[in-house]
Every structure is written in C-alpha cells, then in structure tokens.
Amino acid sequence: MSRSGLLVRTVGVAAVALALLLGGCGESVTGTPVPQGFGAAHSSDYASLLTECDVVAPERIAEIVGGGTIERGFLGAICRWTVHGAGGPVRVTFDWFETGTLAVEKRTSERLGYEVEDVTVGGRRAVLAQPPADPGSCGITAGFPAGGVVGWWVQYRAGGGADPCEAASVLVESTLDLAA
C-alpha cells in the first residue's frame, strides 16, 4: 500500500470512529443525579465533604481526649487533628466511608496485625482495633445509621494520656448521637 493510500485509510478509520463516538454511543438517562448513598434518612448530615470534619466540635474533641488547644490538620474524607495537653500531643483521626462496612474495616485491621474486637457503641455494632506495639493508639469503627461506617482513632504519646479506646468510643458515640 502506498503512503497516500495508508494516509487515506487512517483518516477514514479515524472519521468512522469519531462518528460512532459522537452519534451512536450515547444514552439519555432521566431523573435527578444524586451522589451514591444519598437519599437515606440522615444522609444530608454529611452532604458536604468539608463539613464532615465538624460532626463533633473541635473543643469537644479536645475535651474527650483530655487536651487543651486543638489544631486542625487535614480535612476531607479523613479528618485529622492534633490536641495539645499536659501529656504531649494527641493525634485524633475521624473517617466516614459512606459505602464502607464493618466487615471490611475488621479484615483490614486484622491484615495490619492489629488486635481486633467486636464491641457495641451507642447500641450499634462496632469494631475496636489496636496495634499491639502501640498501646497508646486505638480505633473504633461503627455502623452509621444512614449507611456506611464512621470511625475515630486516638493516639496518645507513649507513656502519656488516658485510655485511647475509651476516648475513641466516646467520640464514636458522640457522632452517633448527633446522627440520631
């Protein structure tokens, strides 16, 4: 095949592909677009990604973990704070996975080698996870009333602070109370 024939053939194939893409491969869908998982009762409590981090007031977080001042770190699907107190900094993390499940959270914690325990917080099933080499850290994830899971992790400096599992439990319960 000559160069000009190859060029004509290439242009022809590209034109046919473009025509198919623009003309025959579309589909109209009726209705109103809604993000996945929305529409259930209470789901509007978390309608804005950046306001999810405000589900428990920063002052309340600091009070629960026994600290004073609090600094916001990362805000998004996973929210982080550093609380300063007499025992040193306390790292606090909140997550909400709209389509998450306790089974996935439990399996993930087990794969990470954490000690895992089924617990109940605020009348809801939950999973407690604690790294065996870090007794100052603990996370609790609970099923959320509108679906998905919410979780809190508390990490005290080595040798300082209160029971991180108790603090994580109170934070989870505070979140569930606000959602009810």
N, C-alpha and C. Protein backbone atom coordinates (compact mmCIF):
# COMPACT_ATOMS: atom_id res chain seq x y z
N MET A 1 0.85 -1.16 0.00
CA MET A 1 0.00 0.00 0.00
C MET A 1 0.90 1.23 0.00
N SER A 2 0.51 2.22 -0.76
CA SER A 2 1.31 3.45 -0.85
C SER A 2 1.07 4.31 0.38
N ARG A 3 1.96 5.28 0.55
CA ARG A 3 1.81 6.20 1.68
C ARG A 3 0.51 6.97 1.62
N SER A 4 0.14 7.44 0.45
CA SER A 4 -1.10 8.20 0.32
C SER A 4 -2.31 7.31 0.60
N GLY A 5 -2.25 6.04 0.20
CA GLY A 5 -3.34 5.11 0.48
C GLY A 5 -3.46 4.82 1.97
N LEU A 6 -2.31 4.69 2.63
CA LEU A 6 -2.30 4.46 4.07
C LEU A 6 -2.86 5.66 4.81
N LEU A 7 -2.50 6.85 4.36
CA LEU A 7 -3.00 8.08 4.98
C LEU A 7 -4.51 8.18 4.82
N VAL A 8 -5.01 7.90 3.61
CA VAL A 8 -6.45 7.96 3.36
C VAL A 8 -7.17 6.94 4.23
N ARG A 9 -6.62 5.74 4.34
CA ARG A 9 -7.24 4.70 5.15
C ARG A 9 -7.25 5.09 6.63
N THR A 10 -6.15 5.63 7.14
CA THR A 10 -6.06 6.05 8.54
C THR A 10 -7.05 7.15 8.84
N VAL A 11 -7.13 8.14 7.94
CA VAL A 11 -8.08 9.24 8.13
C VAL A 11 -9.51 8.69 8.09
N GLY A 12 -9.78 7.76 7.20
CA GLY A 12 -11.12 7.17 7.10
C GLY A 12 -11.51 6.42 8.36
N VAL A 13 -10.59 5.62 8.92
CA VAL A 13 -10.87 4.89 10.15
C VAL A 13 -11.11 5.85 11.30
N ALA A 14 -10.32 6.90 11.38
CA ALA A 14 -10.49 7.90 12.44
C ALA A 14 -11.84 8.61 12.31
N ALA A 15 -12.25 8.92 11.08
CA ALA A 15 -13.54 9.59 10.86
C ALA A 15 -14.71 8.70 11.27
N VAL A 16 -14.63 7.41 10.94
CA VAL A 16 -15.69 6.47 11.33
C VAL A 16 -15.76 6.35 12.85
N ALA A 17 -14.61 6.24 13.51
CA ALA A 17 -14.57 6.14 14.97
C ALA A 17 -15.17 7.38 15.62
N LEU A 18 -14.83 8.55 15.10
CA LEU A 18 -15.36 9.79 15.64
C LEU A 18 -16.87 9.87 15.44
N ALA A 19 -17.35 9.46 14.27
CA ALA A 19 -18.80 9.48 14.00
C ALA A 19 -19.54 8.55 14.95
N LEU A 20 -19.00 7.36 15.20
CA LEU A 20 -19.63 6.43 16.13
C LEU A 20 -19.66 7.00 17.54
N LEU A 21 -18.56 7.60 17.94
CA LEU A 21 -18.47 8.17 19.28
C LEU A 21 -19.47 9.29 19.47
N LEU A 22 -19.57 10.18 18.51
CA LEU A 22 -20.45 11.33 18.65
C LEU A 22 -21.91 11.01 18.35
N GLY A 23 -22.16 10.06 17.49
CA GLY A 23 -23.53 9.85 17.05
C GLY A 23 -24.27 8.70 17.66
N GLY A 24 -23.64 7.56 17.85
CA GLY A 24 -24.43 6.40 18.17
C GLY A 24 -24.16 5.75 19.50
N CYS A 25 -23.30 6.29 20.31
CA CYS A 25 -22.94 5.60 21.55
C CYS A 25 -23.46 6.30 22.79
N GLY A 26 -24.34 7.22 22.66
CA GLY A 26 -24.85 7.94 23.82
C GLY A 26 -26.17 7.36 24.28
N GLU A 27 -26.52 7.66 25.52
CA GLU A 27 -27.77 7.19 26.07
C GLU A 27 -28.28 8.28 27.01
N SER A 28 -29.55 8.61 26.90
CA SER A 28 -30.15 9.59 27.78
C SER A 28 -30.68 8.90 29.02
N VAL A 29 -30.46 9.51 30.16
CA VAL A 29 -30.94 8.97 31.42
C VAL A 29 -31.81 10.04 32.05
N THR A 30 -33.01 9.67 32.44
CA THR A 30 -33.92 10.62 33.06
C THR A 30 -33.74 10.61 34.57
N GLY A 31 -34.18 11.66 35.22
CA GLY A 31 -34.12 11.75 36.67
C GLY A 31 -33.16 12.83 37.13
N THR A 32 -32.98 12.89 38.42
CA THR A 32 -32.10 13.86 39.04
C THR A 32 -30.87 13.15 39.57
N PRO A 33 -29.68 13.61 39.18
CA PRO A 33 -28.48 12.94 39.69
C PRO A 33 -28.34 13.13 41.19
N VAL A 34 -28.02 12.05 41.88
CA VAL A 34 -27.83 12.06 43.33
C VAL A 34 -26.59 11.25 43.64
N PRO A 35 -25.68 11.79 44.49
CA PRO A 35 -24.48 11.02 44.83
C PRO A 35 -24.85 9.67 45.44
N GLN A 36 -24.03 8.66 45.20
CA GLN A 36 -24.28 7.32 45.70
C GLN A 36 -24.48 7.33 47.20
N GLY A 37 -25.53 6.65 47.67
CA GLY A 37 -25.78 6.53 49.10
C GLY A 37 -26.67 7.62 49.65
N PHE A 38 -26.89 8.72 48.92
CA PHE A 38 -27.73 9.79 49.43
C PHE A 38 -29.19 9.43 49.26
N GLY A 39 -30.03 10.11 49.99
CA GLY A 39 -31.44 9.87 49.91
C GLY A 39 -31.96 9.13 51.12
N ALA A 40 -31.08 8.45 51.84
CA ALA A 40 -31.49 7.77 53.07
C ALA A 40 -31.65 8.81 54.18
N ALA A 41 -32.42 8.46 55.20
CA ALA A 41 -32.60 9.36 56.33
C ALA A 41 -31.25 9.73 56.91
N HIS A 42 -31.07 10.95 57.27
CA HIS A 42 -29.88 11.50 57.92
C HIS A 42 -28.66 11.62 57.01
N SER A 43 -28.73 11.17 55.77
CA SER A 43 -27.53 11.25 54.93
C SER A 43 -27.16 12.69 54.66
N SER A 44 -28.12 13.61 54.71
CA SER A 44 -27.79 15.01 54.47
C SER A 44 -26.94 15.59 55.60
N ASP A 45 -26.83 14.87 56.74
CA ASP A 45 -25.95 15.33 57.81
C ASP A 45 -24.51 15.41 57.33
N TYR A 46 -24.17 14.65 56.28
CA TYR A 46 -22.81 14.60 55.76
C TYR A 46 -22.78 14.98 54.29
N ALA A 47 -23.62 15.92 53.88
CA ALA A 47 -23.75 16.25 52.47
C ALA A 47 -22.54 16.99 51.92
N SER A 48 -21.76 17.61 52.75
CA SER A 48 -20.61 18.38 52.28
C SER A 48 -19.34 17.77 52.83
N LEU A 49 -18.42 17.46 51.94
CA LEU A 49 -17.19 16.79 52.32
C LEU A 49 -16.44 17.56 53.41
N LEU A 50 -16.37 18.87 53.32
CA LEU A 50 -15.58 19.63 54.28
C LEU A 50 -16.29 19.83 55.61
N THR A 51 -17.61 19.67 55.66
CA THR A 51 -18.30 19.82 56.95
C THR A 51 -18.36 18.52 57.72
N GLU A 52 -18.00 17.41 57.11
CA GLU A 52 -17.97 16.14 57.83
C GLU A 52 -17.03 16.24 59.02
N CYS A 53 -15.97 17.01 58.87
CA CYS A 53 -14.99 17.15 59.94
C CYS A 53 -15.54 17.91 61.14
N ASP A 54 -16.68 18.56 60.97
CA ASP A 54 -17.29 19.33 62.05
C ASP A 54 -18.36 18.56 62.80
N VAL A 55 -18.49 17.26 62.54
CA VAL A 55 -19.54 16.47 63.17
C VAL A 55 -19.44 16.52 64.69
N VAL A 56 -18.25 16.56 65.23
CA VAL A 56 -18.03 16.79 66.66
C VAL A 56 -17.17 18.05 66.74
N ALA A 57 -17.61 19.02 67.53
CA ALA A 57 -16.90 20.30 67.64
C ALA A 57 -15.46 20.09 68.11
N PRO A 58 -14.53 20.84 67.56
CA PRO A 58 -13.12 20.68 67.96
C PRO A 58 -12.91 20.80 69.47
N GLU A 59 -13.62 21.69 70.11
CA GLU A 59 -13.48 21.84 71.57
C GLU A 59 -13.91 20.57 72.30
N ARG A 60 -14.94 19.93 71.78
CA ARG A 60 -15.42 18.68 72.38
C ARG A 60 -14.41 17.55 72.17
N ILE A 61 -13.79 17.51 70.98
CA ILE A 61 -12.73 16.52 70.72
C ILE A 61 -11.61 16.69 71.73
N ALA A 62 -11.16 17.93 71.90
CA ALA A 62 -10.07 18.21 72.85
C ALA A 62 -10.46 17.79 74.26
N GLU A 63 -11.70 18.07 74.65
CA GLU A 63 -12.18 17.70 75.99
C GLU A 63 -12.18 16.17 76.17
N ILE A 64 -12.66 15.46 75.15
CA ILE A 64 -12.77 13.99 75.25
C ILE A 64 -11.40 13.34 75.40
N VAL A 65 -10.39 13.84 74.68
CA VAL A 65 -9.07 13.21 74.74
C VAL A 65 -8.20 13.80 75.85
N GLY A 66 -8.75 14.77 76.61
CA GLY A 66 -8.03 15.31 77.76
C GLY A 66 -6.98 16.34 77.42
N GLY A 67 -7.19 17.07 76.36
CA GLY A 67 -6.23 18.09 75.96
C GLY A 67 -6.80 19.49 76.08
N GLY A 68 -5.98 20.44 75.66
CA GLY A 68 -6.39 21.84 75.71
C GLY A 68 -6.63 22.39 74.32
N THR A 69 -5.57 22.92 73.72
CA THR A 69 -5.72 23.51 72.40
C THR A 69 -5.75 22.42 71.33
N ILE A 70 -6.39 22.75 70.22
CA ILE A 70 -6.53 21.78 69.13
C ILE A 70 -6.21 22.47 67.82
N GLU A 71 -5.48 21.76 66.97
CA GLU A 71 -5.15 22.25 65.62
C GLU A 71 -5.75 21.30 64.60
N ARG A 72 -6.39 21.87 63.60
CA ARG A 72 -6.88 21.05 62.51
C ARG A 72 -5.72 20.72 61.60
N GLY A 73 -5.71 19.48 61.17
CA GLY A 73 -4.71 19.07 60.19
C GLY A 73 -5.40 18.95 58.85
N PHE A 74 -5.45 17.76 58.32
CA PHE A 74 -6.07 17.50 57.03
C PHE A 74 -7.58 17.41 57.18
N LEU A 75 -8.30 18.03 56.25
CA LEU A 75 -9.76 17.93 56.20
C LEU A 75 -10.16 17.30 54.88
N GLY A 76 -11.04 16.36 54.93
CA GLY A 76 -11.50 15.67 53.73
C GLY A 76 -12.27 14.44 54.15
N ALA A 77 -12.17 13.38 53.40
CA ALA A 77 -12.86 12.13 53.77
C ALA A 77 -12.28 11.58 55.07
N ILE A 78 -11.03 11.89 55.34
CA ILE A 78 -10.40 11.55 56.61
C ILE A 78 -9.94 12.87 57.22
N CYS A 79 -10.35 13.12 58.44
CA CYS A 79 -10.05 14.39 59.11
C CYS A 79 -9.07 14.15 60.24
N ARG A 80 -8.11 15.05 60.40
CA ARG A 80 -7.08 14.87 61.43
C ARG A 80 -6.92 16.13 62.27
N TRP A 81 -6.65 15.91 63.55
CA TRP A 81 -6.37 16.99 64.48
C TRP A 81 -5.19 16.60 65.36
N THR A 82 -4.53 17.61 65.90
CA THR A 82 -3.55 17.42 66.96
C THR A 82 -4.05 18.20 68.15
N VAL A 83 -4.20 17.50 69.27
CA VAL A 83 -4.66 18.13 70.50
C VAL A 83 -3.46 18.23 71.44
N HIS A 84 -3.23 19.41 71.96
CA HIS A 84 -2.09 19.62 72.85
C HIS A 84 -2.56 19.61 74.30
N GLY A 85 -1.83 18.88 75.12
CA GLY A 85 -2.17 18.79 76.54
C GLY A 85 -0.93 18.53 77.36
N ALA A 86 -1.12 18.33 78.64
CA ALA A 86 -0.01 18.13 79.56
C ALA A 86 0.81 16.89 79.22
N GLY A 87 0.17 15.85 78.69
CA GLY A 87 0.86 14.61 78.35
C GLY A 87 1.51 14.63 76.98
N GLY A 88 1.50 15.77 76.31
CA GLY A 88 2.05 15.88 74.96
C GLY A 88 0.95 15.86 73.93
N PRO A 89 1.33 15.85 72.65
CA PRO A 89 0.31 15.89 71.59
C PRO A 89 -0.47 14.58 71.48
N VAL A 90 -1.74 14.72 71.18
CA VAL A 90 -2.62 13.57 70.93
C VAL A 90 -3.08 13.70 69.49
N ARG A 91 -2.90 12.66 68.72
CA ARG A 91 -3.36 12.65 67.32
C ARG A 91 -4.76 12.04 67.29
N VAL A 92 -5.67 12.72 66.61
CA VAL A 92 -7.05 12.26 66.52
C VAL A 92 -7.44 12.24 65.05
N THR A 93 -8.08 11.15 64.62
CA THR A 93 -8.49 10.99 63.23
C THR A 93 -9.95 10.54 63.19
N PHE A 94 -10.70 11.14 62.27
CA PHE A 94 -12.10 10.77 62.03
C PHE A 94 -12.24 10.36 60.58
N ASP A 95 -12.99 9.29 60.33
CA ASP A 95 -13.29 8.91 58.95
C ASP A 95 -14.75 8.50 58.84
N TRP A 96 -15.29 8.75 57.67
CA TRP A 96 -16.65 8.33 57.36
C TRP A 96 -16.62 7.79 55.94
N PHE A 97 -16.94 6.52 55.80
CA PHE A 97 -16.99 5.89 54.49
C PHE A 97 -18.44 5.54 54.21
N GLU A 98 -19.05 6.30 53.33
CA GLU A 98 -20.48 6.20 53.04
C GLU A 98 -20.90 4.81 52.60
N THR A 99 -20.02 4.10 51.91
CA THR A 99 -20.37 2.76 51.46
C THR A 99 -19.50 1.70 52.15
N GLY A 100 -18.84 2.08 53.22
CA GLY A 100 -17.98 1.15 53.95
C GLY A 100 -18.79 0.15 54.76
N THR A 101 -18.09 -0.91 55.19
CA THR A 101 -18.73 -1.93 56.01
C THR A 101 -17.83 -2.30 57.18
N LEU A 102 -18.43 -2.77 58.25
CA LEU A 102 -17.65 -3.23 59.39
C LEU A 102 -16.79 -4.43 59.01
N ALA A 103 -17.29 -5.28 58.14
CA ALA A 103 -16.52 -6.46 57.73
C ALA A 103 -15.21 -6.05 57.06
N VAL A 104 -15.26 -5.05 56.19
CA VAL A 104 -14.04 -4.58 55.52
C VAL A 104 -13.09 -3.95 56.53
N GLU A 105 -13.61 -3.13 57.44
CA GLU A 105 -12.76 -2.49 58.44
C GLU A 105 -12.10 -3.54 59.34
N LYS A 106 -12.85 -4.56 59.69
CA LYS A 106 -12.31 -5.62 60.55
C LYS A 106 -11.21 -6.40 59.82
N ARG A 107 -11.49 -6.80 58.58
CA ARG A 107 -10.48 -7.53 57.80
C ARG A 107 -9.22 -6.71 57.60
N THR A 108 -9.37 -5.43 57.33
CA THR A 108 -8.22 -4.56 57.12
C THR A 108 -7.38 -4.47 58.37
N SER A 109 -8.02 -4.29 59.51
CA SER A 109 -7.28 -4.21 60.78
C SER A 109 -6.57 -5.52 61.09
N GLU A 110 -7.23 -6.64 60.80
CA GLU A 110 -6.60 -7.94 61.02
C GLU A 110 -5.38 -8.12 60.12
N ARG A 111 -5.51 -7.70 58.86
CA ARG A 111 -4.37 -7.80 57.93
C ARG A 111 -3.20 -6.94 58.38
N LEU A 112 -3.49 -5.83 59.05
CA LEU A 112 -2.43 -4.96 59.57
C LEU A 112 -1.81 -5.51 60.85
N GLY A 113 -2.36 -6.61 61.35
CA GLY A 113 -1.82 -7.23 62.55
C GLY A 113 -2.32 -6.61 63.84
N TYR A 114 -3.40 -5.85 63.78
CA TYR A 114 -3.96 -5.22 64.97
C TYR A 114 -4.76 -6.24 65.78
N GLU A 115 -4.86 -5.98 67.06
CA GLU A 115 -5.77 -6.74 67.91
C GLU A 115 -7.16 -6.20 67.62
N VAL A 116 -8.09 -7.08 67.28
CA VAL A 116 -9.42 -6.67 66.84
C VAL A 116 -10.46 -7.30 67.75
N GLU A 117 -11.48 -6.50 68.08
CA GLU A 117 -12.53 -6.98 68.97
C GLU A 117 -13.87 -6.41 68.52
N ASP A 118 -14.91 -7.25 68.51
CA ASP A 118 -16.26 -6.78 68.24
C ASP A 118 -16.79 -6.13 69.52
N VAL A 119 -17.30 -4.91 69.41
CA VAL A 119 -17.83 -4.19 70.55
C VAL A 119 -19.16 -3.54 70.16
N THR A 120 -19.81 -2.93 71.12
CA THR A 120 -21.02 -2.16 70.88
C THR A 120 -20.80 -0.75 71.40
N VAL A 121 -21.15 0.24 70.57
CA VAL A 121 -21.03 1.64 70.97
C VAL A 121 -22.35 2.33 70.64
N GLY A 122 -22.94 2.95 71.63
CA GLY A 122 -24.20 3.64 71.40
C GLY A 122 -25.28 2.72 70.86
N GLY A 123 -25.25 1.44 71.26
CA GLY A 123 -26.25 0.47 70.81
C GLY A 123 -26.01 -0.05 69.40
N ARG A 124 -24.89 0.32 68.80
CA ARG A 124 -24.59 -0.14 67.44
C ARG A 124 -23.37 -1.05 67.45
N ARG A 125 -23.38 -2.01 66.54
CA ARG A 125 -22.21 -2.87 66.39
C ARG A 125 -21.01 -2.03 65.97
N ALA A 126 -19.84 -2.41 66.49
CA ALA A 126 -18.63 -1.67 66.18
C ALA A 126 -17.44 -2.63 66.22
N VAL A 127 -16.32 -2.16 65.70
CA VAL A 127 -15.08 -2.92 65.71
C VAL A 127 -14.01 -2.05 66.36
N LEU A 128 -13.34 -2.61 67.35
CA LEU A 128 -12.24 -1.94 68.03
C LEU A 128 -10.95 -2.53 67.47
N ALA A 129 -9.99 -1.69 67.13
CA ALA A 129 -8.70 -2.15 66.61
C ALA A 129 -7.58 -1.43 67.34
N GLN A 130 -6.56 -2.20 67.72
CA GLN A 130 -5.45 -1.60 68.45
C GLN A 130 -4.14 -2.26 68.01
N PRO A 131 -3.17 -1.45 67.58
CA PRO A 131 -1.87 -2.02 67.21
C PRO A 131 -1.19 -2.58 68.46
N PRO A 132 -0.76 -3.83 68.46
CA PRO A 132 -0.18 -4.43 69.67
C PRO A 132 1.11 -3.74 70.13
N ALA A 133 1.84 -3.14 69.22
CA ALA A 133 3.09 -2.48 69.58
C ALA A 133 2.88 -1.02 69.99
N ASP A 134 1.62 -0.55 69.98
CA ASP A 134 1.34 0.85 70.32
C ASP A 134 0.10 0.92 71.21
N PRO A 135 0.25 0.64 72.51
CA PRO A 135 -0.90 0.65 73.40
C PRO A 135 -1.53 2.05 73.58
N GLY A 136 -0.85 3.08 73.11
CA GLY A 136 -1.40 4.43 73.19
C GLY A 136 -2.32 4.77 72.03
N SER A 137 -2.52 3.81 71.10
CA SER A 137 -3.36 4.03 69.93
C SER A 137 -4.54 3.07 69.92
N CYS A 138 -5.69 3.57 69.48
CA CYS A 138 -6.87 2.72 69.38
C CYS A 138 -7.85 3.36 68.42
N GLY A 139 -8.52 2.52 67.65
CA GLY A 139 -9.54 2.99 66.74
C GLY A 139 -10.81 2.19 66.91
N ILE A 140 -11.94 2.89 66.76
CA ILE A 140 -13.23 2.22 66.81
C ILE A 140 -14.04 2.69 65.61
N THR A 141 -14.61 1.72 64.89
CA THR A 141 -15.45 2.00 63.74
C THR A 141 -16.82 1.39 64.01
N ALA A 142 -17.87 2.17 63.73
CA ALA A 142 -19.24 1.71 63.97
C ALA A 142 -20.07 1.90 62.72
N GLY A 143 -21.11 1.08 62.61
CA GLY A 143 -22.06 1.26 61.54
C GLY A 143 -22.81 2.57 61.73
N PHE A 144 -22.98 3.32 60.65
CA PHE A 144 -23.67 4.61 60.71
C PHE A 144 -25.14 4.42 60.39
N PRO A 145 -26.05 5.11 61.09
CA PRO A 145 -27.49 4.90 60.87
C PRO A 145 -27.95 5.05 59.42
N ALA A 146 -27.35 5.97 58.66
CA ALA A 146 -27.77 6.18 57.28
C ALA A 146 -27.02 5.29 56.30
N GLY A 147 -26.15 4.42 56.81
CA GLY A 147 -25.36 3.55 55.95
C GLY A 147 -23.89 3.87 56.06
N GLY A 148 -23.07 2.93 55.69
CA GLY A 148 -21.63 3.13 55.77
C GLY A 148 -21.13 2.99 57.19
N VAL A 149 -19.90 3.48 57.41
CA VAL A 149 -19.27 3.39 58.72
C VAL A 149 -18.59 4.70 59.07
N VAL A 150 -18.51 4.97 60.38
CA VAL A 150 -17.73 6.10 60.89
C VAL A 150 -16.72 5.55 61.88
N GLY A 151 -15.57 6.17 61.91
CA GLY A 151 -14.54 5.70 62.82
C GLY A 151 -13.71 6.83 63.40
N TRP A 152 -13.21 6.60 64.59
CA TRP A 152 -12.32 7.54 65.26
C TRP A 152 -11.09 6.79 65.74
N TRP A 153 -9.92 7.38 65.54
CA TRP A 153 -8.66 6.86 66.06
C TRP A 153 -8.08 7.89 67.00
N VAL A 154 -7.56 7.43 68.11
CA VAL A 154 -6.90 8.30 69.09
C VAL A 154 -5.51 7.71 69.34
N GLN A 155 -4.51 8.58 69.28
CA GLN A 155 -3.13 8.13 69.51
C GLN A 155 -2.46 9.07 70.50
N TYR A 156 -2.26 8.54 71.72
CA TYR A 156 -1.52 9.27 72.75
C TYR A 156 -0.03 8.97 72.59
N ARG A 157 0.78 9.92 73.00
CA ARG A 157 2.23 9.67 73.02
C ARG A 157 2.51 8.51 73.95
N ALA A 158 3.57 7.78 73.67
CA ALA A 158 3.95 6.65 74.52
C ALA A 158 4.10 7.09 75.97
N GLY A 159 3.42 6.38 76.85
CA GLY A 159 3.52 6.68 78.27
C GLY A 159 2.63 7.81 78.76
N GLY A 160 1.91 8.46 77.88
CA GLY A 160 1.08 9.59 78.32
C GLY A 160 -0.35 9.43 77.88
N GLY A 161 -1.22 10.08 78.57
CA GLY A 161 -2.61 10.09 78.16
C GLY A 161 -3.44 9.02 78.84
N ALA A 162 -4.71 9.11 78.55
CA ALA A 162 -5.68 8.19 79.12
C ALA A 162 -5.84 6.97 78.20
N ASP A 163 -6.89 6.22 78.39
CA ASP A 163 -7.18 5.04 77.58
C ASP A 163 -7.64 5.50 76.19
N PRO A 164 -6.86 5.20 75.14
CA PRO A 164 -7.24 5.66 73.81
C PRO A 164 -8.53 5.00 73.30
N CYS A 165 -8.80 3.77 73.73
CA CYS A 165 -10.02 3.09 73.30
C CYS A 165 -11.26 3.74 73.92
N GLU A 166 -11.15 4.16 75.16
CA GLU A 166 -12.26 4.86 75.81
C GLU A 166 -12.53 6.18 75.10
N ALA A 167 -11.48 6.93 74.79
CA ALA A 167 -11.65 8.21 74.09
C ALA A 167 -12.27 7.98 72.71
N ALA A 168 -11.79 6.99 71.96
CA ALA A 168 -12.34 6.68 70.64
C ALA A 168 -13.81 6.28 70.75
N SER A 169 -14.15 5.51 71.78
CA SER A 169 -15.53 5.10 71.99
C SER A 169 -16.45 6.29 72.24
N VAL A 170 -16.00 7.23 73.07
CA VAL A 170 -16.81 8.42 73.37
C VAL A 170 -16.97 9.27 72.11
N LEU A 171 -15.92 9.37 71.29
CA LEU A 171 -16.03 10.13 70.04
C LEU A 171 -17.00 9.47 69.08
N VAL A 172 -16.96 8.13 68.96
CA VAL A 172 -17.91 7.43 68.10
C VAL A 172 -19.33 7.64 68.62
N GLU A 173 -19.52 7.48 69.91
CA GLU A 173 -20.86 7.66 70.47
C GLU A 173 -21.36 9.09 70.27
N SER A 174 -20.49 10.07 70.40
CA SER A 174 -20.89 11.47 70.14
C SER A 174 -21.34 11.64 68.71
N THR A 175 -20.65 11.00 67.78
CA THR A 175 -21.02 11.08 66.36
C THR A 175 -22.37 10.42 66.13
N LEU A 176 -22.59 9.26 66.70
CA LEU A 176 -23.86 8.54 66.54
C LEU A 176 -25.01 9.31 67.18
N ASP A 177 -24.75 9.96 68.32
CA ASP A 177 -25.79 10.76 68.97
C ASP A 177 -26.23 11.91 68.08
N LEU A 178 -25.29 12.53 67.38
CA LEU A 178 -25.62 13.65 66.50
C LEU A 178 -26.40 13.20 65.28
N ALA A 179 -26.20 11.93 64.88
CA ALA A 179 -26.86 11.42 63.69
C ALA A 179 -28.28 10.93 63.96
N ALA A 180 -28.62 10.71 65.22
CA ALA A 180 -29.92 10.14 65.55
C ALA A 180 -31.06 11.14 65.35
